């Protein structure tokens, strides 16, 4: 379900950025994805069931986030699937 969680900035654009490989709204219609910075501040939250159409692009307030580690929480909200958490790392190569 989760793809590679390291992404590179090249000329201020993230290449190959796709945090969630499969969060189909047909199977997880109530999913909610949240991204936090290292201080625990919420910097992105999807609309319920809409991560596929508006995934996090590595930005906050239309600005590229600094290189570093960010934390994600996926809430499936289906009473069967537990929340998933992990780290996504933005690098600059």
Foldseek 3Di string as FASTA:
>chain_A
DFDDQEWEADPNFTPPDDGRDDDQCVVQVQKKKWKADPVRDTQDIDHGNCCVPPPDRCDGPPHHDDFAKMKMWIDSPPVPDHIDIDIHTYYYD
